[in-house]
Amino acid sequence: MSKVIGDVILDIQNISLRFGGVKALTDISFNVKEHEIRAIIGPNGAGKSSMLNCINGVYTPSEGSITFRGQTFDHMNSRQVAEMGIARTFQNLALFKGMSVIDNIMSGRNLKIKSNIFLQALRIGPAEREEIEHREKVEHIIDFLEIQAFRKTPVGQLPYGLQKRVDLGRALAMEPQVLLLDEPMAGMNLEEKQDMCRFILDVNDEFGTTIVLIEHDMGVVMDISDRVVVLDYGKKIGDGAPDDVRNNEDVIQAYLGTSH
C-alpha cells in the first residue's frame, strides 16, 4: 500500500543567509508536504545545515520567509519553533552524557510539562500524575527504538549508534509534526545505518511524522526519500523525485566536482 502524501506543511520561500560578506544561502525555495520524507543533499559546504538552522530558528535569514501550517514568519526563535511542533536532531550529539537513557529522552518532554517547578520537586497532586503520563510516553519511545535494555544506562557509556538512537528518541518525545534530522547516519557502520533507516521509515509510517533529513549516503537518500532538494554553494540546483535528481546533469556535475 502506497502512503498518502498530504498538502504542503512547510513552505520555504526565497531564503538567503549572509554572514558579513559571505553568502551561505542564496534565494532558496522549496516545500515539504505532510507525511513525506524530504531529503536535502549536496556536497560539503553546500549550505544544508544552514538551511536547517534557518527552519528551526537558530539563524535568522537575511531575506525570505518560512510558512508553517499557513502561518508565515521571517524569523522564529528555537523555542517558538519547538512549541509549534518542529523538532531537531543534531549532527554532533548534544546529549547529557552523565544522565540515563530514560532521563535524556524525558528531557524532550520539557515543553509539554505544565506543573510548576515547586510541584514537580515535591511530586504531589497533578505534578505526580503528569510525570507518570510523561514517563509512559517515554517508555513507549524506548520500546519503539528497541533500547529497553539500556533504560538506566548513562548515555556516555553507550556505543555511538545507540547514542544516535537516544537522540532520535529525545526529539520524538516532543511529539513533533515535523522532524529535522541532521545527518542521522553520520559515522555509523552498515548495520547501524540499516537500523536507523528502519526507524526513520517507521517514525514516518507509524507516527505519521513528516521528516526533513540531511544525509550524505546517497544510497540511503534514494531508498527512503519521497523528494530530494539539492544544494551546491548555497544555491538550489535540483529538486524532485529521487530518480529525477539522480539523472539531473547539474547534480551529477556538482558531485563529480566538474562544474567548478
Protein backbone atom coordinates (compact mmCIF):
# COMPACT_ATOMS: atom_id res chain seq x y z
CA MET A 1 0.00 0.00 0.00
CA SER A 2 1.49 3.34 -1.05
CA LYS A 3 1.44 6.07 1.55
CA VAL A 4 -0.64 9.20 1.17
CA ILE A 5 1.31 12.46 0.91
CA GLY A 6 -0.69 15.45 2.16
CA ASP A 7 -0.68 19.17 1.44
CA VAL A 8 2.28 21.49 1.96
CA ILE A 9 3.06 21.79 5.69
CA LEU A 10 6.31 23.77 5.43
CA ASP A 11 7.00 26.31 2.68
CA ILE A 12 10.45 27.87 2.28
CA GLN A 13 10.41 30.97 0.08
CA ASN A 14 13.43 32.88 -1.27
CA ILE A 15 15.64 32.26 1.76
CA SER A 16 19.03 33.97 1.69
CA LEU A 17 21.56 33.95 4.52
CA ARG A 18 24.69 36.07 4.81
CA PHE A 19 27.46 36.19 7.40
CA GLY A 20 29.14 39.52 6.77
CA GLY A 21 30.20 39.36 3.12
CA VAL A 22 29.86 35.58 2.89
CA LYS A 23 26.69 34.18 1.28
CA ALA A 24 25.75 30.89 2.91
CA LEU A 25 22.37 30.59 1.11
CA THR A 26 21.08 32.42 -1.96
CA ASP A 27 17.38 32.68 -2.87
CA ILE A 28 16.36 29.13 -1.98
CA SER A 29 12.73 28.00 -2.26
CA PHE A 30 11.22 24.55 -1.74
CA ASN A 31 8.37 22.98 0.20
CA VAL A 32 7.71 19.98 2.40
CA LYS A 33 4.44 18.05 2.22
CA GLU A 34 2.71 16.41 5.15
CA HIS A 35 3.80 12.82 5.81
CA GLU A 36 6.67 12.82 3.32
CA ILE A 37 10.38 12.17 3.80
CA ARG A 38 12.12 15.16 2.23
CA ALA A 39 15.90 14.97 1.80
CA ILE A 40 18.31 17.89 1.49
CA ILE A 41 21.57 16.82 -0.16
CA GLY A 42 24.69 18.43 -1.57
CA PRO A 43 28.48 18.39 -1.31
CA ASN A 44 30.24 19.61 1.85
CA GLY A 45 29.78 23.34 2.32
CA ALA A 46 26.60 23.41 0.21
CA GLY A 47 24.56 25.11 2.95
CA LYS A 48 22.46 22.15 4.13
CA SER A 49 22.89 22.64 7.88
CA SER A 50 22.50 26.42 7.45
CA MET A 51 19.12 25.70 5.83
CA LEU A 52 18.00 23.57 8.78
CA ASN A 53 19.24 26.26 11.16
CA CYS A 54 17.01 28.80 9.40
CA ILE A 55 14.00 26.47 9.63
CA ASN A 56 14.38 25.78 13.35
CA GLY A 57 15.22 29.32 14.40
CA VAL A 58 18.95 29.05 15.12
CA TYR A 59 19.72 31.53 12.30
CA THR A 60 17.67 34.50 11.13
CA PRO A 61 17.51 34.56 7.30
CA SER A 62 18.75 37.77 5.66
CA GLU A 63 15.81 37.54 3.25
CA GLY A 64 12.81 35.33 2.59
CA SER A 65 10.09 33.69 4.66
CA ILE A 66 9.10 30.35 6.14
CA THR A 67 5.45 29.29 6.30
CA PHE A 68 4.45 26.51 8.69
CA ARG A 69 0.84 25.30 8.61
CA GLY A 70 -0.31 28.53 6.94
CA GLN A 71 1.50 30.91 9.33
CA THR A 72 4.29 32.92 7.72
CA PHE A 73 7.40 34.08 9.59
CA ASP A 74 10.52 35.95 8.61
CA HIS A 75 12.03 34.76 11.89
CA MET A 76 11.16 32.46 14.77
CA ASN A 77 13.31 31.62 17.77
CA SER A 78 14.12 27.99 18.54
CA ARG A 79 11.65 27.74 21.43
CA GLN A 80 8.76 29.04 19.29
CA VAL A 81 9.66 26.53 16.58
CA ALA A 82 9.67 23.68 19.10
CA GLU A 83 6.34 24.79 20.61
CA MET A 84 4.77 24.83 17.15
CA GLY A 85 5.79 21.23 16.54
CA ILE A 86 9.18 21.18 14.79
CA ALA A 87 11.89 19.07 16.47
CA ARG A 88 15.55 18.66 15.53
CA THR A 89 18.43 16.25 15.98
CA PHE A 90 21.98 17.50 15.54
CA GLN A 91 24.98 16.25 13.61
CA ASN A 92 27.09 16.50 16.77
CA LEU A 93 25.29 14.75 19.60
CA ALA A 94 24.11 17.16 22.29
CA LEU A 95 23.03 14.53 24.80
CA PHE A 96 23.53 14.68 28.59
CA LYS A 97 26.27 12.06 28.76
CA GLY A 98 26.11 11.50 32.53
CA MET A 99 22.33 11.04 32.56
CA SER A 100 20.48 7.80 31.85
CA VAL A 101 18.76 7.00 28.57
CA ILE A 102 15.32 7.47 30.12
CA ASP A 103 16.23 10.85 31.62
CA ASN A 104 17.70 12.08 28.32
CA ILE A 105 14.53 11.16 26.45
CA MET A 106 12.42 12.60 29.29
CA SER A 107 14.16 15.97 28.75
CA GLY A 108 12.41 16.09 25.38
CA ARG A 109 9.09 16.35 27.26
CA ASN A 110 10.01 19.68 28.93
CA LEU A 111 7.78 21.80 26.72
CA LYS A 112 4.84 19.50 27.49
CA ILE A 113 5.16 19.82 31.28
CA LYS A 114 2.52 22.16 32.73
CA SER A 115 3.19 21.86 36.51
CA ASN A 116 5.43 24.45 38.17
CA ILE A 117 8.91 23.53 39.41
CA PHE A 118 7.81 23.53 43.09
CA LEU A 119 5.10 20.91 42.47
CA GLN A 120 7.44 18.89 40.27
CA ALA A 121 10.08 18.82 43.03
CA LEU A 122 7.55 17.61 45.62
CA ARG A 123 5.88 15.24 43.11
CA ILE A 124 2.44 15.84 44.55
CA GLY A 125 -1.05 16.03 43.07
CA PRO A 126 -1.22 17.00 39.41
CA ALA A 127 2.59 17.05 39.08
CA GLU A 128 2.83 13.38 40.02
CA ARG A 129 0.03 12.39 37.63
CA GLU A 130 1.67 14.43 34.88
CA GLU A 131 5.07 12.81 35.42
CA ILE A 132 3.52 9.33 35.26
CA GLU A 133 1.84 10.25 31.97
CA HIS A 134 5.09 11.64 30.50
CA ARG A 135 7.06 8.59 31.63
CA GLU A 136 4.55 6.29 29.92
CA LYS A 137 5.10 8.13 26.64
CA VAL A 138 8.88 7.94 27.10
CA GLU A 139 8.68 4.19 27.81
CA HIS A 140 6.71 3.77 24.59
CA ILE A 141 9.50 5.52 22.65
CA ILE A 142 12.13 3.36 24.37
CA ASP A 143 10.22 0.23 23.31
CA PHE A 144 9.78 1.60 19.79
CA LEU A 145 13.54 2.24 19.44
CA GLU A 146 14.39 -1.17 20.96
CA ILE A 147 16.63 0.24 23.71
CA GLN A 148 14.80 -1.25 26.74
CA ALA A 149 17.97 -2.95 27.95
CA PHE A 150 19.72 0.43 28.31
CA ARG A 151 16.97 2.43 30.04
CA LYS A 152 19.05 3.16 33.18
CA THR A 153 22.47 3.27 31.47
CA PRO A 154 24.30 6.62 31.34
CA VAL A 155 24.24 7.69 27.69
CA GLY A 156 28.01 8.30 27.64
CA GLN A 157 28.58 4.56 28.16
CA LEU A 158 26.61 3.56 25.04
CA PRO A 159 28.10 2.85 21.59
CA TYR A 160 27.76 5.70 19.09
CA GLY A 161 24.92 4.11 17.10
CA LEU A 162 22.78 3.72 20.23
CA GLN A 163 23.53 7.30 21.29
CA LYS A 164 22.16 8.45 17.93
CA ARG A 165 19.03 6.40 18.66
CA VAL A 166 18.63 8.13 22.04
CA ASP A 167 19.00 11.49 20.27
CA LEU A 168 16.17 10.47 17.93
CA GLY A 169 14.11 9.36 20.94
CA ARG A 170 14.51 12.72 22.65
CA ALA A 171 13.27 14.50 19.52
CA LEU A 172 10.32 12.09 19.26
CA ALA A 173 9.43 12.83 22.91
CA MET A 174 8.44 16.32 21.75
CA GLU A 175 5.72 14.68 19.57
CA PRO A 176 6.74 16.80 16.57
CA GLN A 177 4.69 17.28 13.44
CA VAL A 178 7.94 17.86 11.51
CA LEU A 179 11.23 16.21 12.47
CA LEU A 180 14.50 17.70 11.18
CA LEU A 181 17.34 15.15 11.08
CA ASP A 182 20.86 16.49 10.52
CA GLU A 183 22.97 13.60 9.20
CA PRO A 184 21.32 10.92 11.35
CA MET A 185 23.65 8.22 9.95
CA ALA A 186 26.99 10.07 10.03
CA GLY A 187 29.76 7.89 11.46
CA MET A 188 27.67 4.72 11.55
CA ASN A 189 28.62 1.28 10.30
CA LEU A 190 26.42 -0.55 7.79
CA GLU A 191 24.32 -2.39 10.39
CA GLU A 192 23.71 0.80 12.39
CA LYS A 193 22.67 2.62 9.20
CA GLN A 194 20.20 -0.13 8.32
CA ASP A 195 18.68 0.10 11.81
CA MET A 196 18.41 3.90 11.62
CA CYS A 197 16.80 3.70 8.16
CA ARG A 198 14.20 1.32 9.55
CA PHE A 199 13.44 3.63 12.49
CA ILE A 200 13.12 6.69 10.23
CA LEU A 201 10.70 4.85 7.96
CA ASP A 202 8.73 3.58 10.98
CA VAL A 203 8.55 7.07 12.55
CA ASN A 204 7.20 8.37 9.25
CA ASP A 205 4.76 5.49 8.89
CA GLU A 206 3.56 4.71 12.43
CA PHE A 207 3.68 8.20 13.97
CA GLY A 208 2.78 9.97 10.72
CA THR A 209 5.68 12.37 11.31
CA THR A 210 6.88 14.50 8.40
CA ILE A 211 10.66 14.20 8.08
CA VAL A 212 13.27 16.52 6.61
CA LEU A 213 16.72 14.98 6.57
CA ILE A 214 20.25 15.87 5.55
CA GLU A 215 22.26 12.81 4.60
CA HIS A 216 25.49 12.14 2.69
CA ASP A 217 24.83 8.47 1.94
CA MET A 218 23.20 8.65 -1.50
CA GLY A 219 22.02 5.04 -1.36
CA VAL A 220 20.06 5.81 1.81
CA VAL A 221 18.63 9.05 0.38
CA MET A 222 17.46 7.43 -2.84
CA ASP A 223 15.93 4.48 -0.96
CA ILE A 224 13.89 6.27 1.71
CA SER A 225 13.11 9.77 0.37
CA ASP A 226 9.92 10.83 -1.40
CA ARG A 227 11.51 14.01 -2.77
CA VAL A 228 15.01 15.45 -2.77
CA VAL A 229 16.26 19.05 -2.93
CA VAL A 230 19.91 19.57 -3.92
CA LEU A 231 22.08 22.48 -2.79
CA ASP A 232 25.52 23.47 -4.07
CA TYR A 233 27.49 26.51 -2.91
CA GLY A 234 24.36 27.81 -1.17
CA LYS A 235 22.14 27.63 -4.26
CA LYS A 236 19.44 25.17 -5.26
CA ILE A 237 20.46 23.13 -8.31
CA GLY A 238 17.88 20.34 -8.24
CA ASP A 239 14.52 19.39 -6.78
CA GLY A 240 12.23 16.45 -7.41
CA ALA A 241 11.76 12.70 -7.09
CA PRO A 242 14.92 10.67 -6.34
CA ASP A 243 15.18 9.33 -9.91
CA ASP A 244 14.82 12.81 -11.42
CA VAL A 245 17.53 14.19 -9.14
CA ARG A 246 19.82 11.21 -9.78
CA ASN A 247 19.72 11.95 -13.52
CA ASN A 248 19.99 15.75 -13.23
CA GLU A 249 23.13 16.90 -15.08
CA ASP A 250 23.79 19.81 -12.68
CA VAL A 251 23.60 17.44 -9.72
CA ILE A 252 25.93 14.91 -11.37
CA GLN A 253 28.47 17.66 -12.12
CA ALA A 254 28.30 19.07 -8.57
CA TYR A 255 29.03 15.66 -7.06
CA LEU A 256 31.77 14.87 -9.55
CA GLY A 257 33.28 18.30 -8.97
CA THR A 258 33.32 19.19 -12.67
CA SER A 259 31.07 22.25 -12.51
CA HIS A 260 33.61 24.49 -10.76
